[in-house]
Amino acid sequence: MGLNEVSDGSKVVITRIDGGRNARKKLMDLGMIPGVPVTIIRRAGRNPMLLSVMGRQVVLGRGMAEKVFVR
């Protein structure tokens, strides 16, 4: 499932990153790497998502969140 489909408070693990090389690099620079756990702090409508990744808070837009797949 895509990261953009996960509800607030959920804890998931990244399984795959889709998109072009630049998008994947940007996501990996934010710590979004397959195998890394992510907690959804806030997912408010069409606004960017607030996540906890490797002990840091990360803000991720919906378009980028659609490229991240989790379980």
PDB file of N, CA and C in Angstrom:
ATOM      1  N   MET A   1       0.849  -1.174   0.000  1.00  0.00           N
ATOM      2  CA  MET A   1       0.000   0.000   0.000  1.00  0.00           C
ATOM      3  C   MET A   1       0.893   1.234   0.000  1.00  0.00           C
ATOM      4  N   GLY A   2       0.370   2.328  -0.522  1.00  0.00           N
ATOM      5  CA  GLY A   2       1.129   3.573  -0.564  1.00  0.00           C
ATOM      6  C   GLY A   2       1.121   4.279   0.787  1.00  0.00           C
ATOM      7  N   LEU A   3       2.189   4.990   1.075  1.00  0.00           N
ATOM      8  CA  LEU A   3       2.292   5.731   2.336  1.00  0.00           C
ATOM      9  C   LEU A   3       1.147   6.730   2.471  1.00  0.00           C
ATOM     10  N   ASN A   4       0.683   7.279   1.348  1.00  0.00           N
ATOM     11  CA  ASN A   4      -0.405   8.254   1.372  1.00  0.00           C
ATOM     12  C   ASN A   4      -1.742   7.642   1.791  1.00  0.00           C
ATOM     13  N   GLU A   5      -1.836   6.318   1.896  1.00  0.00           N
ATOM     14  CA  GLU A   5      -3.079   5.637   2.286  1.00  0.00           C
ATOM     15  C   GLU A   5      -3.120   5.270   3.768  1.00  0.00           C
ATOM     16  N   VAL A   6      -2.032   5.505   4.483  1.00  0.00           N
ATOM     17  CA  VAL A   6      -1.916   5.076   5.879  1.00  0.00           C
ATOM     18  C   VAL A   6      -2.506   6.137   6.809  1.00  0.00           C
ATOM     19  N   SER A   7      -3.193   5.709   7.874  1.00  0.00           N
ATOM     20  CA  SER A   7      -3.826   6.668   8.789  1.00  0.00           C
ATOM     21  C   SER A   7      -2.911   7.135   9.911  1.00  0.00           C
ATOM     22  N   ASP A   8      -3.331   8.229  10.541  1.00  0.00           N
ATOM     23  CA  ASP A   8      -2.581   8.816  11.661  1.00  0.00           C
ATOM     24  C   ASP A   8      -2.278   7.765  12.724  1.00  0.00           C
ATOM     25  N   GLY A   9      -1.081   7.849  13.283  1.00  0.00           N
ATOM     26  CA  GLY A   9      -0.689   6.959  14.365  1.00  0.00           C
ATOM     27  C   GLY A   9      -0.176   5.601  13.916  1.00  0.00           C
ATOM     28  N   SER A  10      -0.317   5.300  12.625  1.00  0.00           N
ATOM     29  CA  SER A  10       0.134   3.997  12.119  1.00  0.00           C
ATOM     30  C   SER A  10       1.651   3.908  12.109  1.00  0.00           C
ATOM     31  N   LYS A  11       2.139   2.701  12.383  1.00  0.00           N
ATOM     32  CA  LYS A  11       3.571   2.414  12.285  1.00  0.00           C
ATOM     33  C   LYS A  11       3.739   1.396  11.172  1.00  0.00           C
ATOM     34  N   VAL A  12       4.531   1.752  10.175  1.00  0.00           N
ATOM     35  CA  VAL A  12       4.713   0.912   8.993  1.00  0.00           C
ATOM     36  C   VAL A  12       6.204   0.793   8.682  1.00  0.00           C
ATOM     37  N   VAL A  13       6.519  -0.084   7.736  1.00  0.00           N
ATOM     38  CA  VAL A  13       7.899  -0.254   7.284  1.00  0.00           C
ATOM     39  C   VAL A  13       7.925  -0.026   5.775  1.00  0.00           C
ATOM     40  N   ILE A  14       8.892   0.742   5.313  1.00  0.00           N
ATOM     41  CA  ILE A  14       9.025   1.022   3.884  1.00  0.00           C
ATOM     42  C   ILE A  14       9.460  -0.253   3.168  1.00  0.00           C
ATOM     43  N   THR A  15       8.741  -0.581   2.080  1.00  0.00           N
ATOM     44  CA  THR A  15       9.084  -1.772   1.304  1.00  0.00           C
ATOM     45  C   THR A  15       9.671  -1.420  -0.057  1.00  0.00           C
ATOM     46  N   ARG A  16       9.276  -0.262  -0.605  1.00  0.00           N
ATOM     47  CA  ARG A  16       9.705   0.080  -1.965  1.00  0.00           C
ATOM     48  C   ARG A  16       9.557   1.573  -2.194  1.00  0.00           C
ATOM     49  N   ILE A  17      10.437   2.128  -3.025  1.00  0.00           N
ATOM     50  CA  ILE A  17      10.352   3.527  -3.446  1.00  0.00           C
ATOM     51  C   ILE A  17      10.242   3.527  -4.966  1.00  0.00           C
ATOM     52  N   ASP A  18       9.189   4.128  -5.499  1.00  0.00           N
ATOM     53  CA  ASP A  18       9.017   4.264  -6.946  1.00  0.00           C
ATOM     54  C   ASP A  18       9.407   5.675  -7.369  1.00  0.00           C
ATOM     55  N   GLY A  19       9.376   5.907  -8.667  1.00  0.00           N
ATOM     56  CA  GLY A  19       9.667   7.244  -9.180  1.00  0.00           C
ATOM     57  C   GLY A  19      11.015   7.288  -9.868  1.00  0.00           C
ATOM     58  N   GLY A  20      11.316   8.433 -10.419  1.00  0.00           N
ATOM     59  CA  GLY A  20      12.579   8.639 -11.115  1.00  0.00           C
ATOM     60  C   GLY A  20      13.751   8.741 -10.153  1.00  0.00           C
ATOM     61  N   ARG A  21      14.927   8.823 -10.730  1.00  0.00           N
ATOM     62  CA  ARG A  21      16.151   8.858  -9.925  1.00  0.00           C
ATOM     63  C   ARG A  21      16.161  10.035  -8.962  1.00  0.00           C
ATOM     64  N   ASN A  22      15.740  11.223  -9.420  1.00  0.00           N
ATOM     65  CA  ASN A  22      15.755  12.407  -8.551  1.00  0.00           C
ATOM     66  C   ASN A  22      14.789  12.264  -7.380  1.00  0.00           C
ATOM     67  N   ALA A  23      13.596  11.741  -7.655  1.00  0.00           N
ATOM     68  CA  ALA A  23      12.604  11.555  -6.587  1.00  0.00           C
ATOM     69  C   ALA A  23      13.109  10.537  -5.567  1.00  0.00           C
ATOM     70  N   ARG A  24      13.657   9.431  -6.048  1.00  0.00           N
ATOM     71  CA  ARG A  24      14.179   8.404  -5.130  1.00  0.00           C
ATOM     72  C   ARG A  24      15.319   8.952  -4.283  1.00  0.00           C
ATOM     73  N   LYS A  25      16.204   9.753  -4.898  1.00  0.00           N
ATOM     74  CA  LYS A  25      17.324  10.329  -4.148  1.00  0.00           C
ATOM     75  C   LYS A  25      16.819  11.271  -3.064  1.00  0.00           C
ATOM     76  N   LYS A  26      15.841  12.120  -3.416  1.00  0.00           N
ATOM     77  CA  LYS A  26      15.289  13.058  -2.431  1.00  0.00           C
ATOM     78  C   LYS A  26      14.678  12.299  -1.257  1.00  0.00           C
ATOM     79  N   LEU A  27      13.911  11.255  -1.551  1.00  0.00           N
ATOM     80  CA  LEU A  27      13.284  10.466  -0.493  1.00  0.00           C
ATOM     81  C   LEU A  27      14.329   9.762   0.366  1.00  0.00           C
ATOM     82  N   MET A  28      15.340   9.217  -0.266  1.00  0.00           N
ATOM     83  CA  MET A  28      16.390   8.534   0.500  1.00  0.00           C
ATOM     84  C   MET A  28      17.171   9.521   1.359  1.00  0.00           C
ATOM     85  N   ASP A  29      17.368  10.738   0.866  1.00  0.00           N
ATOM     86  CA  ASP A  29      18.037  11.775   1.662  1.00  0.00           C
ATOM     87  C   ASP A  29      17.236  12.118   2.918  1.00  0.00           C
ATOM     88  N   LEU A  30      15.909  11.912   2.856  1.00  0.00           N
ATOM     89  CA  LEU A  30      15.035  12.159   4.008  1.00  0.00           C
ATOM     90  C   LEU A  30      14.963  10.950   4.942  1.00  0.00           C
ATOM     91  N   GLY A  31      15.677   9.878   4.589  1.00  0.00           N
ATOM     92  CA  GLY A  31      15.659   8.677   5.420  1.00  0.00           C
ATOM     93  C   GLY A  31      14.639   7.645   4.986  1.00  0.00           C
ATOM     94  N   MET A  32      13.974   7.899   3.865  1.00  0.00           N
ATOM     95  CA  MET A  32      12.947   6.987   3.367  1.00  0.00           C
ATOM     96  C   MET A  32      13.631   5.883   2.558  1.00  0.00           C
ATOM     97  N   ILE A  33      14.053   4.839   3.261  1.00  0.00           N
ATOM     98  CA  ILE A  33      14.828   3.750   2.675  1.00  0.00           C
ATOM     99  C   ILE A  33      14.104   2.437   2.978  1.00  0.00           C
ATOM    100  N   PRO A  34      14.009   1.523   2.001  1.00  0.00           N
ATOM    101  CA  PRO A  34      13.361   0.238   2.280  1.00  0.00           C
ATOM    102  C   PRO A  34      13.928  -0.416   3.541  1.00  0.00           C
ATOM    103  N   GLY A  35      12.991  -0.918   4.381  1.00  0.00           N
ATOM    104  CA  GLY A  35      13.353  -1.554   5.641  1.00  0.00           C
ATOM    105  C   GLY A  35      13.269  -0.627   6.840  1.00  0.00           C
ATOM    106  N   VAL A  36      13.162   0.678   6.595  1.00  0.00           N
ATOM    107  CA  VAL A  36      13.121   1.662   7.685  1.00  0.00           C
ATOM    108  C   VAL A  36      11.684   1.813   8.191  1.00  0.00           C
ATOM    109  N   PRO A  37      11.464   1.773   9.526  1.00  0.00           N
ATOM    110  CA  PRO A  37      10.129   2.011  10.079  1.00  0.00           C
ATOM    111  C   PRO A  37       9.771   3.494  10.035  1.00  0.00           C
ATOM    112  N   VAL A  38       8.473   3.755   9.832  1.00  0.00           N
ATOM    113  CA  VAL A  38       7.940   5.118   9.756  1.00  0.00           C
ATOM    114  C   VAL A  38       6.677   5.181  10.601  1.00  0.00           C
ATOM    115  N   THR A  39       6.514   6.265  11.351  1.00  0.00           N
ATOM    116  CA  THR A  39       5.276   6.509  12.099  1.00  0.00           C
ATOM    117  C   THR A  39       4.584   7.717  11.479  1.00  0.00           C
ATOM    118  N   ILE A  40       3.281   7.576  11.204  1.00  0.00           N
ATOM    119  CA  ILE A  40       2.504   8.687  10.664  1.00  0.00           C
ATOM    120  C   ILE A  40       2.043   9.525  11.849  1.00  0.00           C
ATOM    121  N   ILE A  41       2.538  10.747  11.950  1.00  0.00           N
ATOM    122  CA  ILE A  41       2.148  11.633  13.050  1.00  0.00           C
ATOM    123  C   ILE A  41       0.858  12.364  12.696  1.00  0.00           C
ATOM    124  N   ARG A  42       0.808  12.926  11.484  1.00  0.00           N
ATOM    125  CA  ARG A  42      -0.397  13.662  11.073  1.00  0.00           C
ATOM    126  C   ARG A  42      -0.571  13.554   9.568  1.00  0.00           C
ATOM    127  N   ARG A  43      -1.788  13.270   9.199  1.00  0.00           N
ATOM    128  CA  ARG A  43      -2.173  13.184   7.791  1.00  0.00           C
ATOM    129  C   ARG A  43      -3.462  13.974   7.667  1.00  0.00           C
ATOM    130  N   ALA A  44      -3.351  15.244   7.330  1.00  0.00           N
ATOM    131  CA  ALA A  44      -4.517  16.130   7.343  1.00  0.00           C
ATOM    132  C   ALA A  44      -4.978  16.462   5.928  1.00  0.00           C
ATOM    133  N   GLY A  45      -5.970  15.731   5.460  1.00  0.00           N
ATOM    134  CA  GLY A  45      -6.561  16.026   4.155  1.00  0.00           C
ATOM    135  C   GLY A  45      -5.532  16.057   3.042  1.00  0.00           C
ATOM    136  N   ARG A  46      -5.529  17.158   2.285  1.00  0.00           N
ATOM    137  CA  ARG A  46      -4.631  17.292   1.143  1.00  0.00           C
ATOM    138  C   ARG A  46      -3.310  17.958   1.520  1.00  0.00           C
ATOM    139  N   ASN A  47      -3.144  18.288   2.785  1.00  0.00           N
ATOM    140  CA  ASN A  47      -1.912  18.928   3.242  1.00  0.00           C
ATOM    141  C   ASN A  47      -0.773  17.916   3.293  1.00  0.00           C
ATOM    142  N   PRO A  48       0.471  18.391   3.394  1.00  0.00           N
ATOM    143  CA  PRO A  48       1.595  17.460   3.535  1.00  0.00           C
ATOM    144  C   PRO A  48       1.459  16.604   4.797  1.00  0.00           C
ATOM    145  N   MET A  49       2.052  15.430   4.747  1.00  0.00           N
ATOM    146  CA  MET A  49       2.040  14.506   5.881  1.00  0.00           C
ATOM    147  C   MET A  49       3.210  14.819   6.805  1.00  0.00           C
ATOM    148  N   LEU A  50       3.004  14.623   8.106  1.00  0.00           N
ATOM    149  CA  LEU A  50       4.075  14.752   9.091  1.00  0.00           C
ATOM    150  C   LEU A  50       4.409  13.342   9.566  1.00  0.00           C
ATOM    151  N   LEU A  51       5.677  12.952   9.405  1.00  0.00           N
ATOM    152  CA  LEU A  51       6.121  11.596   9.700  1.00  0.00           C
ATOM    153  C   LEU A  51       7.267  11.608  10.694  1.00  0.00           C
ATOM    154  N   SER A  52       7.472  10.487  11.347  1.00  0.00           N
ATOM    155  CA  SER A  52       8.670  10.275  12.153  1.00  0.00           C
ATOM    156  C   SER A  52       9.474   9.181  11.457  1.00  0.00           C
ATOM    157  N   VAL A  53      10.695   9.554  11.027  1.00  0.00           N
ATOM    158  CA  VAL A  53      11.568   8.637  10.301  1.00  0.00           C
ATOM    159  C   VAL A  53      12.941   8.663  10.960  1.00  0.00           C
ATOM    160  N   MET A  54      13.381   7.540  11.482  1.00  0.00           N
ATOM    161  CA  MET A  54      14.701   7.431  12.112  1.00  0.00           C
ATOM    162  C   MET A  54      14.920   8.517  13.170  1.00  0.00           C
ATOM    163  N   GLY A  55      13.877   8.752  13.984  1.00  0.00           N
ATOM    164  CA  GLY A  55      13.983   9.705  15.085  1.00  0.00           C
ATOM    165  C   GLY A  55      13.844  11.161  14.690  1.00  0.00           C
ATOM    166  N   ARG A  56      13.574  11.435  13.412  1.00  0.00           N
ATOM    167  CA  ARG A  56      13.403  12.821  12.948  1.00  0.00           C
ATOM    168  C   ARG A  56      11.998  13.022  12.421  1.00  0.00           C
ATOM    169  N   GLN A  57      11.498  14.249  12.558  1.00  0.00           N
ATOM    170  CA  GLN A  57      10.215  14.578  11.949  1.00  0.00           C
ATOM    171  C   GLN A  57      10.460  15.027  10.516  1.00  0.00           C
ATOM    172  N   VAL A  58       9.665  14.471   9.606  1.00  0.00           N
ATOM    173  CA  VAL A  58       9.797  14.750   8.181  1.00  0.00           C
ATOM    174  C   VAL A  58       8.438  15.164   7.647  1.00  0.00           C
ATOM    175  N   VAL A  59       8.405  16.240   6.870  1.00  0.00           N
ATOM    176  CA  VAL A  59       7.184  16.676   6.198  1.00  0.00           C
ATOM    177  C   VAL A  59       7.284  16.203   4.754  1.00  0.00           C
ATOM    178  N   LEU A  60       6.248  15.501   4.297  1.00  0.00           N
ATOM    179  CA  LEU A  60       6.276  14.921   2.959  1.00  0.00           C
ATOM    180  C   LEU A  60       4.974  15.242   2.238  1.00  0.00           C
ATOM    181  N   GLY A  61       5.086  15.836   1.051  1.00  0.00           N
ATOM    182  CA  GLY A  61       3.911  16.151   0.240  1.00  0.00           C
ATOM    183  C   GLY A  61       3.234  14.890  -0.272  1.00  0.00           C
ATOM    184  N   ARG A  62       1.978  15.020  -0.638  1.00  0.00           N
ATOM    185  CA  ARG A  62       1.191  13.865  -1.106  1.00  0.00           C
ATOM    186  C   ARG A  62       1.803  13.205  -2.339  1.00  0.00           C
ATOM    187  N   GLY A  63       2.277  14.003  -3.284  1.00  0.00           N
ATOM    188  CA  GLY A  63       2.864  13.439  -4.501  1.00  0.00           C
ATOM    189  C   GLY A  63       4.052  12.549  -4.201  1.00  0.00           C
ATOM    190  N   MET A  64       4.907  12.983  -3.292  1.00  0.00           N
ATOM    191  CA  MET A  64       6.072  12.175  -2.924  1.00  0.00           C
ATOM    192  C   MET A  64       5.639  10.961  -2.105  1.00  0.00           C
ATOM    193  N   ALA A  65       4.635  11.131  -1.247  1.00  0.00           N
ATOM    194  CA  ALA A  65       4.155  10.012  -0.424  1.00  0.00           C
ATOM    195  C   ALA A  65       3.598   8.886  -1.290  1.00  0.00           C
ATOM    196  N   GLU A  66       3.050   9.227  -2.456  1.00  0.00           N
ATOM    197  CA  GLU A  66       2.510   8.208  -3.362  1.00  0.00           C
ATOM    198  C   GLU A  66       3.602   7.304  -3.922  1.00  0.00           C
ATOM    199  N   LYS A  67       4.841   7.743  -3.882  1.00  0.00           N
ATOM    200  CA  LYS A  67       5.959   6.966  -4.421  1.00  0.00           C
ATOM    201  C   LYS A  67       6.538   5.979  -3.398  1.00  0.00           C
ATOM    202  N   VAL A  68       6.097   6.100  -2.136  1.00  0.00           N
ATOM    203  CA  VAL A  68       6.633   5.267  -1.052  1.00  0.00           C
ATOM    204  C   VAL A  68       5.619   4.169  -0.720  1.00  0.00           C
ATOM    205  N   PHE A  69       6.055   2.925  -0.797  1.00  0.00           N
ATOM    206  CA  PHE A  69       5.176   1.797  -0.486  1.00  0.00           C
ATOM    207  C   PHE A  69       5.608   1.162   0.827  1.00  0.00           C
ATOM    208  N   VAL A  70       4.605   0.765   1.616  1.00  0.00           N
ATOM    209  CA  VAL A  70       4.849   0.293   2.978  1.00  0.00           C
ATOM    210  C   VAL A  70       4.029  -0.957   3.273  1.00  0.00           C
ATOM    211  N   ARG A  71       4.401  -1.615   4.386  1.00  0.00           N
ATOM    212  CA  ARG A  71       3.577  -2.732   4.895  1.00  0.00           C
ATOM    213  C   ARG A  71       3.400  -2.546   6.385  1.00  0.00           C
TER     214      ARG A  71
END
